[in-house]
């Protein structure tokens, strides 16, 4: 199974403010920058509990009919999401990937700071797409955390947008 990240950050590398606020990101994602094309290739979304709780504060469920797996060891209530295809799992990233692969999923979108970091440390992310928003926020939740070793990346492409967004795509090269 392939696993990808598509995430927005401040230029100084934060995906959210210290308490999870996303107010520095452009409303509605800003101008089109490839998210719709990316999400069309995904057949399952894997998010952490904190990201799930943030998403619950949005005006609507942003994932449509795409199955969503929320990683948490604490019981979660999905009753406020009638019709959403959402379930809870727990375990290591390797266990999650095995379970999803056995169910026939082929491309997972991994989202949420801790979740992205855990899947990177486990060597399970193949593609990173990072869109930098032209703002410095000074502190917050970092996209990347400690790694057991350097992770080499192969630059695929960079695109700049009129609003100042800069999207860069990388292939993650494990073992290189």
C-alpha atoms as a PDB file:
ATOM      1  CA  UNK A   1       0.000   0.000   0.000  1.00  0.00           C
ATOM      2  CA  UNK A   2       1.218   3.501  -0.787  1.00  0.00           C
ATOM      3  CA  UNK A   3       0.970   6.198   1.861  1.00  0.00           C
ATOM      4  CA  UNK A   4       1.182   9.916   1.124  1.00  0.00           C
ATOM      5  CA  UNK A   5       1.129  13.185   3.014  1.00  0.00           C
ATOM      6  CA  UNK A   6      -0.482  16.356   1.631  1.00  0.00           C
ATOM      7  CA  UNK A   7      -0.171  19.121   4.196  1.00  0.00           C
ATOM      8  CA  UNK A   8       0.007  22.888   4.601  1.00  0.00           C
ATOM      9  CA  UNK A   9       2.579  24.528   6.853  1.00  0.00           C
ATOM     10  CA  UNK A  10       3.725  27.968   7.819  1.00  0.00           C
ATOM     11  CA  UNK A  11       7.081  28.862   6.294  1.00  0.00           C
ATOM     12  CA  UNK A  12       8.640  28.106   9.685  1.00  0.00           C
ATOM     13  CA  UNK A  13       7.301  24.533   9.528  1.00  0.00           C
ATOM     14  CA  UNK A  14       4.210  24.496  11.759  1.00  0.00           C
ATOM     15  CA  UNK A  15       0.992  22.718  10.759  1.00  0.00           C
ATOM     16  CA  UNK A  16      -1.074  24.382  13.507  1.00  0.00           C
ATOM     17  CA  UNK A  17      -0.751  26.841  16.356  1.00  0.00           C
ATOM     18  CA  UNK A  18       0.126  25.438  19.830  1.00  0.00           C
ATOM     19  CA  UNK A  19      -3.513  24.568  20.648  1.00  0.00           C
ATOM     20  CA  UNK A  20      -4.368  23.263  17.174  1.00  0.00           C
ATOM     21  CA  UNK A  21      -5.760  26.438  15.597  1.00  0.00           C
ATOM     22  CA  UNK A  22      -5.465  26.611  11.815  1.00  0.00           C
ATOM     23  CA  UNK A  23      -6.355  30.288  11.410  1.00  0.00           C
ATOM     24  CA  UNK A  24      -3.138  31.084   9.516  1.00  0.00           C
ATOM     25  CA  UNK A  25      -4.120  28.751   6.649  1.00  0.00           C
ATOM     26  CA  UNK A  26      -6.067  30.270   3.743  1.00  0.00           C
ATOM     27  CA  UNK A  27      -9.858  29.913   4.032  1.00  0.00           C
ATOM     28  CA  UNK A  28     -11.036  26.827   2.151  1.00  0.00           C
ATOM     29  CA  UNK A  29      -7.440  25.927   1.327  1.00  0.00           C
ATOM     30  CA  UNK A  30      -6.899  29.098  -0.705  1.00  0.00           C
ATOM     31  CA  UNK A  31      -6.562  28.937  -4.444  1.00  0.00           C
ATOM     32  CA  UNK A  32      -6.605  25.472  -6.055  1.00  0.00           C
ATOM     33  CA  UNK A  33      -3.185  23.891  -5.497  1.00  0.00           C
ATOM     34  CA  UNK A  34      -3.684  20.217  -6.285  1.00  0.00           C
ATOM     35  CA  UNK A  35      -5.573  18.934  -3.248  1.00  0.00           C
ATOM     36  CA  UNK A  36      -8.649  17.867  -5.244  1.00  0.00           C
ATOM     37  CA  UNK A  37      -6.473  15.986  -7.722  1.00  0.00           C
ATOM     38  CA  UNK A  38      -4.539  14.367  -4.871  1.00  0.00           C
ATOM     39  CA  UNK A  39      -7.588  13.308  -2.837  1.00  0.00           C
ATOM     40  CA  UNK A  40      -9.095  11.720  -5.966  1.00  0.00           C
ATOM     41  CA  UNK A  41      -6.208   9.199  -5.895  1.00  0.00           C
ATOM     42  CA  UNK A  42      -6.773   8.238  -2.240  1.00  0.00           C
ATOM     43  CA  UNK A  43      -8.982   5.341  -1.150  1.00  0.00           C
ATOM     44  CA  UNK A  44      -8.550   5.688   2.652  1.00  0.00           C
ATOM     45  CA  UNK A  45      -7.608   8.525   5.008  1.00  0.00           C
ATOM     46  CA  UNK A  46      -5.713   7.865   8.254  1.00  0.00           C
ATOM     47  CA  UNK A  47      -5.777  10.626  10.862  1.00  0.00           C
ATOM     48  CA  UNK A  48      -4.922  10.968  14.511  1.00  0.00           C
ATOM     49  CA  UNK A  49      -7.429  11.718  17.249  1.00  0.00           C
ATOM     50  CA  UNK A  50      -6.396  15.366  17.642  1.00  0.00           C
ATOM     51  CA  UNK A  51      -6.757  15.967  13.913  1.00  0.00           C
ATOM     52  CA  UNK A  52     -10.157  14.264  14.028  1.00  0.00           C
ATOM     53  CA  UNK A  53     -11.235  16.552  16.871  1.00  0.00           C
ATOM     54  CA  UNK A  54     -10.074  19.582  14.861  1.00  0.00           C
ATOM     55  CA  UNK A  55     -12.011  18.377  11.794  1.00  0.00           C
ATOM     56  CA  UNK A  56     -15.175  18.025  13.905  1.00  0.00           C
ATOM     57  CA  UNK A  57     -15.044  21.817  14.341  1.00  0.00           C
ATOM     58  CA  UNK A  58     -15.261  22.414  10.571  1.00  0.00           C
ATOM     59  CA  UNK A  59     -18.577  23.502   9.073  1.00  0.00           C
ATOM     60  CA  UNK A  60     -19.007  20.107   7.401  1.00  0.00           C
ATOM     61  CA  UNK A  61     -17.378  16.695   7.070  1.00  0.00           C
ATOM     62  CA  UNK A  62     -14.562  17.371   4.566  1.00  0.00           C
ATOM     63  CA  UNK A  63     -13.917  13.779   3.455  1.00  0.00           C
ATOM     64  CA  UNK A  64     -17.177  12.926   1.700  1.00  0.00           C
ATOM     65  CA  UNK A  65     -17.542   9.169   1.111  1.00  0.00           C
ATOM     66  CA  UNK A  66     -13.848   8.360   1.465  1.00  0.00           C
ATOM     67  CA  UNK A  67     -13.292   5.946   4.364  1.00  0.00           C
ATOM     68  CA  UNK A  68     -11.565   7.596   7.326  1.00  0.00           C
ATOM     69  CA  UNK A  69      -9.631   5.730  10.005  1.00  0.00           C
ATOM     70  CA  UNK A  70      -9.077   7.628  13.248  1.00  0.00           C
ATOM     71  CA  UNK A  71      -6.144   6.373  15.299  1.00  0.00           C
ATOM     72  CA  UNK A  72      -6.843   6.403  19.020  1.00  0.00           C
ATOM     73  CA  UNK A  73      -6.658   4.133  22.032  1.00  0.00           C
ATOM     74  CA  UNK A  74      -9.532   6.069  23.668  1.00  0.00           C
ATOM     75  CA  UNK A  75     -13.169   5.350  22.704  1.00  0.00           C
ATOM     76  CA  UNK A  76     -14.513   7.827  20.154  1.00  0.00           C
ATOM     77  CA  UNK A  77     -18.079   8.833  19.367  1.00  0.00           C
ATOM     78  CA  UNK A  78     -18.941   9.026  15.664  1.00  0.00           C
ATOM     79  CA  UNK A  79     -22.695   9.561  16.178  1.00  0.00           C
ATOM     80  CA  UNK A  80     -22.478  13.213  15.070  1.00  0.00           C
ATOM     81  CA  UNK A  81     -21.325  12.041  11.632  1.00  0.00           C
ATOM     82  CA  UNK A  82     -24.306  10.204  10.136  1.00  0.00           C
ATOM     83  CA  UNK A  83     -23.429   8.742   6.759  1.00  0.00           C
ATOM     84  CA  UNK A  84     -19.688   9.312   7.159  1.00  0.00           C
ATOM     85  CA  UNK A  85     -17.503   6.266   6.611  1.00  0.00           C
ATOM     86  CA  UNK A  86     -15.374   6.588   9.724  1.00  0.00           C
ATOM     87  CA  UNK A  87     -13.943   4.019  12.110  1.00  0.00           C
ATOM     88  CA  UNK A  88     -11.402   3.777  14.892  1.00  0.00           C
ATOM     89  CA  UNK A  89      -8.190   1.728  14.936  1.00  0.00           C
ATOM     90  CA  UNK A  90      -5.179   1.512  17.193  1.00  0.00           C
ATOM     91  CA  UNK A  91      -1.795  -0.091  16.824  1.00  0.00           C
ATOM     92  CA  UNK A  92       1.577   0.596  15.307  1.00  0.00           C
ATOM     93  CA  UNK A  93       1.771   2.172  11.856  1.00  0.00           C
ATOM     94  CA  UNK A  94       2.944  -1.194  10.516  1.00  0.00           C
ATOM     95  CA  UNK A  95      -0.130  -2.943  11.975  1.00  0.00           C
ATOM     96  CA  UNK A  96      -2.462  -0.278  10.580  1.00  0.00           C
ATOM     97  CA  UNK A  97      -0.957  -0.616   7.081  1.00  0.00           C
ATOM     98  CA  UNK A  98      -1.276  -4.423   7.196  1.00  0.00           C
ATOM     99  CA  UNK A  99      -4.932  -4.201   8.267  1.00  0.00           C
ATOM    100  CA  UNK A 100      -5.784  -1.678   5.568  1.00  0.00           C
ATOM    101  CA  UNK A 101      -3.872  -3.577   2.878  1.00  0.00           C
ATOM    102  CA  UNK A 102      -5.716  -6.789   3.786  1.00  0.00           C
ATOM    103  CA  UNK A 103      -8.966  -4.903   3.209  1.00  0.00           C
ATOM    104  CA  UNK A 104      -7.849  -3.961  -0.306  1.00  0.00           C
ATOM    105  CA  UNK A 105      -6.886  -0.317   0.231  1.00  0.00           C
ATOM    106  CA  UNK A 106      -4.083   0.828  -2.053  1.00  0.00           C
ATOM    107  CA  UNK A 107      -3.421   4.522  -1.324  1.00  0.00           C
ATOM    108  CA  UNK A 108      -3.653   6.057   2.148  1.00  0.00           C
ATOM    109  CA  UNK A 109      -3.598   9.764   2.912  1.00  0.00           C
ATOM    110  CA  UNK A 110      -1.809  10.155   6.263  1.00  0.00           C
ATOM    111  CA  UNK A 111      -2.690  13.342   8.149  1.00  0.00           C
ATOM    112  CA  UNK A 112      -2.012  14.899  11.544  1.00  0.00           C
ATOM    113  CA  UNK A 113       1.328  15.877  13.066  1.00  0.00           C
ATOM    114  CA  UNK A 114       1.972  12.918  15.373  1.00  0.00           C
ATOM    115  CA  UNK A 115       0.486  10.446  12.881  1.00  0.00           C
ATOM    116  CA  UNK A 116       2.682  11.724  10.046  1.00  0.00           C
ATOM    117  CA  UNK A 117       5.743  11.573  12.307  1.00  0.00           C
ATOM    118  CA  UNK A 118       4.985   7.992  13.425  1.00  0.00           C
ATOM    119  CA  UNK A 119       4.452   6.765   9.848  1.00  0.00           C
ATOM    120  CA  UNK A 120       7.669   8.478   8.682  1.00  0.00           C
ATOM    121  CA  UNK A 121       9.690   6.908  11.516  1.00  0.00           C
ATOM    122  CA  UNK A 122       8.234   3.527  10.537  1.00  0.00           C
ATOM    123  CA  UNK A 123       9.343   4.002   6.920  1.00  0.00           C
ATOM    124  CA  UNK A 124       5.805   3.914   5.534  1.00  0.00           C
ATOM    125  CA  UNK A 125       5.397   7.258   3.734  1.00  0.00           C
ATOM    126  CA  UNK A 126       6.363   7.215   0.064  1.00  0.00           C
ATOM    127  CA  UNK A 127       5.363  10.754  -0.942  1.00  0.00           C
ATOM    128  CA  UNK A 128       5.349  14.134   0.834  1.00  0.00           C
ATOM    129  CA  UNK A 129       3.507  17.121  -0.613  1.00  0.00           C
ATOM    130  CA  UNK A 130       4.097  20.197   1.512  1.00  0.00           C
ATOM    131  CA  UNK A 131       2.410  23.503   0.732  1.00  0.00           C
ATOM    132  CA  UNK A 132       4.038  26.426   2.484  1.00  0.00           C
ATOM    133  CA  UNK A 133       1.781  29.341   3.375  1.00  0.00           C
ATOM    134  CA  UNK A 134       3.579  32.709   3.272  1.00  0.00           C
ATOM    135  CA  UNK A 135       3.435  33.380   7.009  1.00  0.00           C
ATOM    136  CA  UNK A 136       5.693  32.892  10.026  1.00  0.00           C
ATOM    137  CA  UNK A 137       3.779  31.970  13.189  1.00  0.00           C
ATOM    138  CA  UNK A 138       6.758  31.491  15.520  1.00  0.00           C
ATOM    139  CA  UNK A 139       5.480  28.485  17.465  1.00  0.00           C
ATOM    140  CA  UNK A 140       3.042  25.648  17.108  1.00  0.00           C
ATOM    141  CA  UNK A 141       2.764  22.003  16.195  1.00  0.00           C
ATOM    142  CA  UNK A 142       5.716  21.077  13.959  1.00  0.00           C
ATOM    143  CA  UNK A 143       5.267  18.956  10.870  1.00  0.00           C
ATOM    144  CA  UNK A 144       8.405  16.963  11.615  1.00  0.00           C
ATOM    145  CA  UNK A 145       9.756  15.527  14.840  1.00  0.00           C
ATOM    146  CA  UNK A 146      12.747  13.480  15.899  1.00  0.00           C
ATOM    147  CA  UNK A 147      13.869  10.763  13.503  1.00  0.00           C
ATOM    148  CA  UNK A 148      16.139   7.778  14.194  1.00  0.00           C
ATOM    149  CA  UNK A 149      18.237   8.724  11.157  1.00  0.00           C
ATOM    150  CA  UNK A 150      18.290  11.152   8.257  1.00  0.00           C
ATOM    151  CA  UNK A 151      15.559  10.604   5.680  1.00  0.00           C
ATOM    152  CA  UNK A 152      16.654  11.445   2.169  1.00  0.00           C
ATOM    153  CA  UNK A 153      14.113  13.012  -0.136  1.00  0.00           C
ATOM    154  CA  UNK A 154      14.041  13.194  -3.918  1.00  0.00           C
ATOM    155  CA  UNK A 155      12.592  16.461  -5.180  1.00  0.00           C
ATOM    156  CA  UNK A 156       9.771  15.773  -7.644  1.00  0.00           C
ATOM    157  CA  UNK A 157       8.456  19.267  -8.368  1.00  0.00           C
ATOM    158  CA  UNK A 158       7.791  22.689  -6.918  1.00  0.00           C
ATOM    159  CA  UNK A 159       4.961  24.982  -7.935  1.00  0.00           C
ATOM    160  CA  UNK A 160       4.316  28.534  -6.846  1.00  0.00           C
ATOM    161  CA  UNK A 161       0.906  30.179  -6.820  1.00  0.00           C
ATOM    162  CA  UNK A 162      -0.286  33.764  -7.183  1.00  0.00           C
ATOM    163  CA  UNK A 163      -1.312  33.932  -3.509  1.00  0.00           C
ATOM    164  CA  UNK A 164       2.241  33.088  -2.424  1.00  0.00           C
ATOM    165  CA  UNK A 165       1.593  29.404  -1.699  1.00  0.00           C
ATOM    166  CA  UNK A 166       4.554  27.199  -2.633  1.00  0.00           C
ATOM    167  CA  UNK A 167       3.872  23.478  -3.050  1.00  0.00           C
ATOM    168  CA  UNK A 168       6.792  21.056  -3.101  1.00  0.00           C
ATOM    169  CA  UNK A 169       6.525  17.326  -3.709  1.00  0.00           C
ATOM    170  CA  UNK A 170       9.110  14.797  -2.566  1.00  0.00           C
ATOM    171  CA  UNK A 171       9.605  11.073  -2.834  1.00  0.00           C
ATOM    172  CA  UNK A 172      10.886   9.619   0.457  1.00  0.00           C
ATOM    173  CA  UNK A 173      14.028   7.516  -0.065  1.00  0.00           C
ATOM    174  CA  UNK A 174      14.364   5.031   2.775  1.00  0.00           C
ATOM    175  CA  UNK A 175      17.702   3.287   3.025  1.00  0.00           C
ATOM    176  CA  UNK A 176      19.460   5.826   0.824  1.00  0.00           C
END
